[in-house]
Amino acid sequence: MAEPSWDHCRAALAVLEEGSLSGAARALGLTQPTVGRQIAALEAALGVVLFTRSPAGLLPTEAGLALRPHAQALRAAAAALARTVTAAGEGVAGTVRITASEVVGGAVLPPILARLHEAHPALILELVLSDRVQDLLRRDADIAVRMTPPAQGALLARKVGTVRLGLHAHRRYLARRGAPASVAALAGHSLIGFDAETAFLRDVRIGGVPLDRSRFAWRSDSALAQLAAVRAGFGIGVCQAGLAAREPDLVPVLPEIGWDLPTFVVMHEDLRALRRYRVAFDALAEGLEAYCAGEAP
């Protein structure tokens, strides 16, 4: 038995799906005699009859029906091969849409994305700042930076480390008001926090830290606005330790208090074969791993 040609298998699959030589020829963009010759060549190579001729057209034999799932698998493999080879030959160009929380997107990612763009100037980067989890399966974004592990099975996730949160204040504020010596002493300070109740606030109160809306002197549901208030010397607020380490004027307050957020870079697994997404994913993961490890941006 000779090894069958994929072109001949494709012709047989088209006849199985279309029900006739003429229908298969139209589907493949070939002439009817060409499809007929390919079917005959496949039957000769396999040593079996795949179709019987009738007034209604070509009817598949038992061998013809048995061929169908294998020919479909060959078609899928050929399409995957073409996508992979095409993607491997692409330059790193096009648009990648990235979503991250306000603080991560606004304060942590810019130097990482700047290095990525410097290496690949034809890459267009879209950044969506949102503390709401974007749906990657619906393609609200291509790549996400998340502080919770993804629950959807079709996503490719890489844990890049842990972001440490803690209480911080500007030196000017501490020079003016002094540093609290205990959790209880926070009651005498200007605190910065959310306007709306959040799961984070509930968790920290369960942990014994009195961060409550009624205690906040600055209320904003924007985490970037809260960070700006800390930087301006308004009071004491929650800040990522990695960001505070970049700014000598931001000082930890009650450093024994803190919260760890596992951090992931996530994208749909179908995108990893396309070079621009893979390059962007790797750059984000490497940059955030360095950030979580306390290395300079």
Protein backbone atom coordinates (compact mmCIF):
# COMPACT_ATOMS: atom_id res chain seq x y z
CA MET A 1 0.00 0.00 0.00
CA ALA A 2 1.41 3.37 -1.02
CA GLU A 3 1.34 6.30 1.40
CA PRO A 4 -1.74 8.38 0.57
CA SER A 5 -1.39 12.01 -0.48
CA TRP A 6 -3.02 14.68 1.69
CA ASP A 7 -4.44 16.31 -1.46
CA HIS A 8 -6.15 13.04 -2.31
CA CYS A 9 -7.47 12.63 1.23
CA ARG A 10 -8.76 16.20 1.11
CA ALA A 11 -10.61 15.40 -2.12
CA ALA A 12 -12.24 12.34 -0.55
CA LEU A 13 -13.26 14.33 2.53
CA ALA A 14 -14.82 17.01 0.31
CA VAL A 15 -16.85 14.35 -1.51
CA LEU A 16 -17.97 12.88 1.83
CA GLU A 17 -19.06 16.33 3.02
CA GLU A 18 -20.56 17.61 -0.23
CA GLY A 19 -22.06 14.35 -1.49
CA SER A 20 -20.90 14.67 -5.10
CA LEU A 21 -17.88 15.26 -7.30
CA SER A 22 -19.28 18.57 -8.52
CA GLY A 23 -19.91 19.80 -4.97
CA ALA A 24 -16.42 18.75 -3.89
CA ALA A 25 -14.89 20.49 -6.90
CA ARG A 26 -16.68 23.75 -6.05
CA ALA A 27 -15.60 23.53 -2.37
CA LEU A 28 -11.96 22.92 -3.30
CA GLY A 29 -11.78 25.31 -6.26
CA LEU A 30 -10.82 22.46 -8.60
CA THR A 31 -12.36 20.94 -11.72
CA GLN A 32 -14.60 17.90 -11.43
CA PRO A 33 -12.24 15.66 -13.46
CA THR A 34 -9.34 16.63 -11.18
CA VAL A 35 -11.28 15.60 -8.07
CA GLY A 36 -12.28 12.35 -9.80
CA ARG A 37 -8.64 11.56 -10.61
CA GLN A 38 -7.58 12.28 -7.01
CA ILE A 39 -10.26 9.94 -5.65
CA ALA A 40 -9.17 7.21 -8.06
CA ALA A 41 -5.52 7.71 -7.09
CA LEU A 42 -6.39 7.45 -3.39
CA GLU A 43 -8.37 4.26 -3.94
CA ALA A 44 -5.44 2.79 -5.87
CA ALA A 45 -2.97 3.78 -3.15
CA LEU A 46 -5.13 2.25 -0.39
CA GLY A 47 -6.26 -0.77 -2.41
CA VAL A 48 -9.93 -0.24 -1.48
CA VAL A 49 -13.06 1.22 -3.04
CA LEU A 50 -14.14 4.36 -1.19
CA PHE A 51 -17.21 5.31 -3.23
CA THR A 52 -19.75 3.60 -5.43
CA ARG A 53 -21.31 5.45 -8.32
CA SER A 54 -25.08 5.82 -8.47
CA PRO A 55 -27.62 8.11 -10.16
CA ALA A 56 -27.75 10.05 -6.87
CA GLY A 57 -24.00 10.68 -6.95
CA LEU A 58 -21.13 9.07 -5.06
CA LEU A 59 -22.08 6.90 -2.11
CA PRO A 60 -19.39 6.11 0.47
CA THR A 61 -18.53 2.49 1.13
CA GLU A 62 -17.73 1.23 4.62
CA ALA A 63 -14.07 2.02 3.91
CA GLY A 64 -15.03 5.51 2.78
CA LEU A 65 -16.95 6.17 5.99
CA ALA A 66 -14.02 4.86 8.03
CA LEU A 67 -11.74 7.33 6.23
CA ARG A 68 -13.75 10.39 7.28
CA PRO A 69 -12.54 11.02 10.90
CA HIS A 70 -8.92 10.46 9.90
CA ALA A 71 -9.19 12.85 6.97
CA GLN A 72 -10.79 15.43 9.27
CA ALA A 73 -7.90 15.03 11.71
CA LEU A 74 -5.42 15.52 8.84
CA ARG A 75 -7.26 18.70 7.78
CA ALA A 76 -7.12 20.09 11.33
CA ALA A 77 -3.42 19.23 11.62
CA ALA A 78 -2.66 20.90 8.27
CA ALA A 79 -4.48 24.07 9.36
CA ALA A 80 -2.64 24.12 12.70
CA LEU A 81 0.67 23.62 10.92
CA ALA A 82 -0.05 26.55 8.60
CA ARG A 83 -1.00 28.82 11.52
CA THR A 84 2.11 27.89 13.49
CA VAL A 85 4.52 28.35 10.60
CA THR A 86 2.90 31.65 9.61
CA ALA A 87 3.04 32.94 13.19
CA ALA A 88 6.68 31.87 13.55
CA GLY A 89 7.55 33.91 10.47
CA GLU A 90 5.73 37.05 11.64
CA GLY A 91 7.56 40.08 12.82
CA VAL A 92 6.51 41.36 16.23
CA ALA A 93 3.92 43.81 14.96
CA GLY A 94 0.28 44.58 15.45
CA THR A 95 -1.87 45.39 18.47
CA VAL A 96 -1.86 43.75 21.90
CA ARG A 97 -4.54 44.78 24.40
CA ILE A 98 -3.47 44.46 28.05
CA THR A 99 -5.61 44.90 31.14
CA ALA A 100 -4.38 45.50 34.69
CA SER A 101 -5.51 47.13 37.89
CA GLU A 102 -5.21 50.91 38.14
CA VAL A 103 -2.08 50.88 40.24
CA VAL A 104 -0.31 48.07 38.39
CA GLY A 105 -1.23 49.51 34.99
CA GLY A 106 -0.58 53.11 35.92
CA ALA A 107 2.54 52.79 38.06
CA VAL A 108 4.17 49.37 37.55
CA LEU A 109 3.73 48.47 33.88
CA PRO A 110 4.88 51.68 32.08
CA PRO A 111 8.65 50.97 32.33
CA ILE A 112 8.06 47.32 31.36
CA LEU A 113 5.98 48.34 28.34
CA ALA A 114 8.49 51.03 27.41
CA ARG A 115 11.26 48.42 27.17
CA LEU A 116 8.96 46.14 25.16
CA HIS A 117 8.15 48.91 22.70
CA GLU A 118 11.81 49.90 22.41
CA ALA A 119 12.64 46.32 21.42
CA HIS A 120 9.65 46.03 19.05
CA PRO A 121 8.67 49.49 17.69
CA ALA A 122 5.97 48.05 15.39
CA LEU A 123 4.07 46.67 18.39
CA ILE A 124 1.03 48.76 19.37
CA LEU A 125 0.09 48.45 23.04
CA GLU A 126 -3.38 49.16 24.39
CA LEU A 127 -3.65 49.38 28.19
CA VAL A 128 -7.00 49.03 29.95
CA LEU A 129 -6.91 50.16 33.58
CA SER A 130 -9.64 48.48 35.56
CA ASP A 131 -9.97 46.81 38.93
CA ARG A 132 -12.76 44.72 37.40
CA VAL A 133 -11.69 41.32 36.05
CA GLN A 134 -11.86 41.48 32.25
CA ASP A 135 -13.18 38.40 30.42
CA LEU A 136 -10.35 37.05 28.28
CA LEU A 137 -12.58 34.34 26.80
CA ARG A 138 -14.75 37.07 25.30
CA ARG A 139 -11.55 38.87 24.25
CA ASP A 140 -12.21 42.00 26.30
CA ALA A 141 -8.41 42.00 26.41
CA ASP A 142 -5.62 39.79 25.08
CA ILE A 143 -3.43 39.63 28.19
CA ALA A 144 -4.33 40.35 31.81
CA VAL A 145 -2.34 40.99 34.97
CA ARG A 146 -4.39 39.59 37.84
CA MET A 147 -4.07 39.32 41.59
CA THR A 148 -6.20 36.16 41.70
CA PRO A 149 -5.64 32.86 39.87
CA PRO A 150 -7.84 32.45 36.79
CA ALA A 151 -10.80 30.12 37.18
CA GLN A 152 -11.41 29.57 33.45
CA GLY A 153 -9.79 26.46 32.00
CA ALA A 154 -8.95 27.80 28.53
CA LEU A 155 -6.51 30.38 29.90
CA LEU A 156 -2.74 30.16 30.07
CA ALA A 157 -1.51 31.58 33.40
CA ARG A 158 1.96 32.20 34.78
CA LYS A 159 2.46 33.13 38.41
CA VAL A 160 5.08 35.86 38.55
CA GLY A 161 5.37 36.30 42.30
CA THR A 162 3.66 38.06 45.19
CA VAL A 163 2.91 41.76 45.55
CA ARG A 164 3.25 42.97 49.13
CA LEU A 165 0.86 45.65 50.37
CA GLY A 166 1.48 47.69 53.49
CA LEU A 167 0.66 50.98 55.19
CA HIS A 168 2.79 53.93 54.07
CA ALA A 169 2.98 57.68 54.51
CA HIS A 170 5.07 60.54 53.16
CA ARG A 171 7.90 61.87 55.31
CA ARG A 172 6.19 65.26 55.43
CA TYR A 173 3.09 63.77 56.99
CA LEU A 174 5.07 61.78 59.58
CA ALA A 175 7.15 64.87 60.45
CA ARG A 176 3.94 66.77 61.02
CA ARG A 177 1.83 64.15 62.80
CA GLY A 178 4.29 61.56 64.03
CA ALA A 179 4.28 57.82 63.30
CA PRO A 180 1.68 55.61 65.01
CA ALA A 181 3.26 53.17 67.43
CA SER A 182 0.40 50.65 67.34
CA VAL A 183 -2.67 49.65 65.37
CA ALA A 184 -4.85 51.39 67.96
CA ALA A 185 -2.94 54.63 67.39
CA LEU A 186 -4.16 54.72 63.76
CA ALA A 187 -7.40 56.18 65.13
CA GLY A 188 -5.60 59.48 65.68
CA HIS A 189 -4.34 59.77 62.11
CA SER A 190 -5.63 60.83 58.69
CA LEU A 191 -6.32 57.60 56.84
CA ILE A 192 -6.77 57.15 53.09
CA GLY A 193 -9.10 54.52 51.66
CA PHE A 194 -12.05 53.48 49.52
CA ASP A 195 -15.38 55.26 49.38
CA ALA A 196 -17.32 52.02 48.79
CA GLU A 197 -17.11 48.87 50.87
CA THR A 198 -14.72 46.32 49.32
CA ALA A 199 -13.74 42.73 49.95
CA PHE A 200 -10.25 43.99 50.84
CA LEU A 201 -11.61 46.24 53.59
CA ARG A 202 -13.66 43.39 55.01
CA ASP A 203 -10.60 41.14 55.03
CA VAL A 204 -8.34 43.64 56.79
CA ARG A 205 -10.96 44.34 59.44
CA ILE A 206 -11.21 40.61 60.09
CA GLY A 207 -7.43 40.73 60.52
CA GLY A 208 -7.81 43.36 63.21
CA VAL A 209 -6.74 46.47 61.28
CA PRO A 210 -9.31 49.28 61.69
CA LEU A 211 -9.54 50.37 58.04
CA ASP A 212 -13.16 51.38 57.71
CA ARG A 213 -14.91 53.95 55.52
CA SER A 214 -16.06 55.91 58.57
CA ARG A 215 -12.41 56.33 59.61
CA PHE A 216 -11.10 57.59 56.25
CA ALA A 217 -10.26 61.27 55.91
CA TRP A 218 -9.71 60.75 52.15
CA ARG A 219 -12.17 58.53 50.33
CA SER A 220 -11.82 57.48 46.72
CA ASP A 221 -12.62 54.30 44.82
CA SER A 222 -9.65 55.04 42.56
CA ALA A 223 -6.55 53.28 43.81
CA LEU A 224 -4.42 55.71 41.78
CA ALA A 225 -6.07 58.64 43.57
CA GLN A 226 -5.32 57.00 46.92
CA LEU A 227 -1.67 56.55 45.91
CA ALA A 228 -1.53 60.20 44.85
CA ALA A 229 -2.88 61.22 48.26
CA VAL A 230 -0.18 59.21 50.04
CA ARG A 231 2.49 60.79 47.82
CA ALA A 232 1.07 64.27 48.54
CA GLY A 233 1.46 63.79 52.28
CA PHE A 234 -2.27 63.73 53.03
CA GLY A 235 -2.09 60.78 55.40
CA ILE A 236 -1.55 57.04 55.81
CA GLY A 237 -2.73 54.66 53.11
CA VAL A 238 -2.13 51.26 51.58
CA CYS A 239 0.69 51.12 49.02
CA GLN A 240 2.57 48.37 47.23
CA ALA A 241 5.93 47.84 48.88
CA GLY A 242 7.62 47.70 45.48
CA LEU A 243 6.34 51.15 44.55
CA ALA A 244 7.23 52.63 47.94
CA ALA A 245 10.77 51.26 47.60
CA ARG A 246 11.21 53.40 44.48
CA GLU A 247 10.35 56.59 46.36
CA PRO A 248 12.58 57.41 49.34
CA ASP A 249 9.98 59.83 50.74
CA LEU A 250 7.41 57.05 51.22
CA VAL A 251 7.96 55.38 54.58
CA PRO A 252 6.43 52.11 55.86
CA VAL A 253 4.04 52.55 58.79
CA LEU A 254 3.57 49.65 61.20
CA PRO A 255 5.61 47.35 58.91
CA GLU A 256 4.44 44.27 60.78
CA ILE A 257 1.05 44.79 59.09
CA GLY A 258 0.82 43.69 55.47
CA TRP A 259 -1.02 41.69 52.87
CA ASP A 260 0.33 39.45 50.10
CA LEU A 261 -1.33 39.28 46.69
CA PRO A 262 -0.29 36.42 44.36
CA THR A 263 0.17 37.88 40.90
CA PHE A 264 -0.43 36.22 37.52
CA VAL A 265 -0.02 37.07 33.85
CA VAL A 266 -2.85 35.44 31.89
CA MET A 267 -3.88 35.06 28.25
CA HIS A 268 -6.09 32.80 26.16
CA GLU A 269 -4.18 29.66 25.21
CA ASP A 270 -5.10 30.11 21.52
CA LEU A 271 -2.94 33.24 21.36
CA ARG A 272 0.36 31.69 22.34
CA ALA A 273 1.05 30.54 18.75
CA LEU A 274 1.00 34.17 17.58
CA ARG A 275 4.33 35.82 18.08
CA ARG A 276 3.25 39.31 19.15
CA TYR A 277 1.14 37.93 22.00
CA ARG A 278 3.82 35.50 23.11
CA VAL A 279 6.49 38.22 23.12
CA ALA A 280 4.24 40.61 25.08
CA PHE A 281 3.25 37.86 27.54
CA ASP A 282 6.90 36.95 28.19
CA ALA A 283 7.95 40.58 28.60
CA LEU A 284 5.18 41.24 31.12
CA ALA A 285 5.96 38.07 33.04
CA GLU A 286 9.70 38.78 33.21
CA GLY A 287 9.19 42.42 34.17
CA LEU A 288 6.68 41.60 36.89
CA GLU A 289 8.83 38.79 38.25
CA ALA A 290 11.61 41.33 38.71
CA TYR A 291 9.20 43.79 40.32
CA CYS A 292 7.84 41.18 42.76
CA ALA A 293 11.41 40.20 43.63
CA GLY A 294 12.23 43.81 44.55
CA GLU A 295 14.53 44.45 41.62
CA ALA A 296 14.84 47.90 40.04
CA PRO A 297 12.48 48.60 37.11
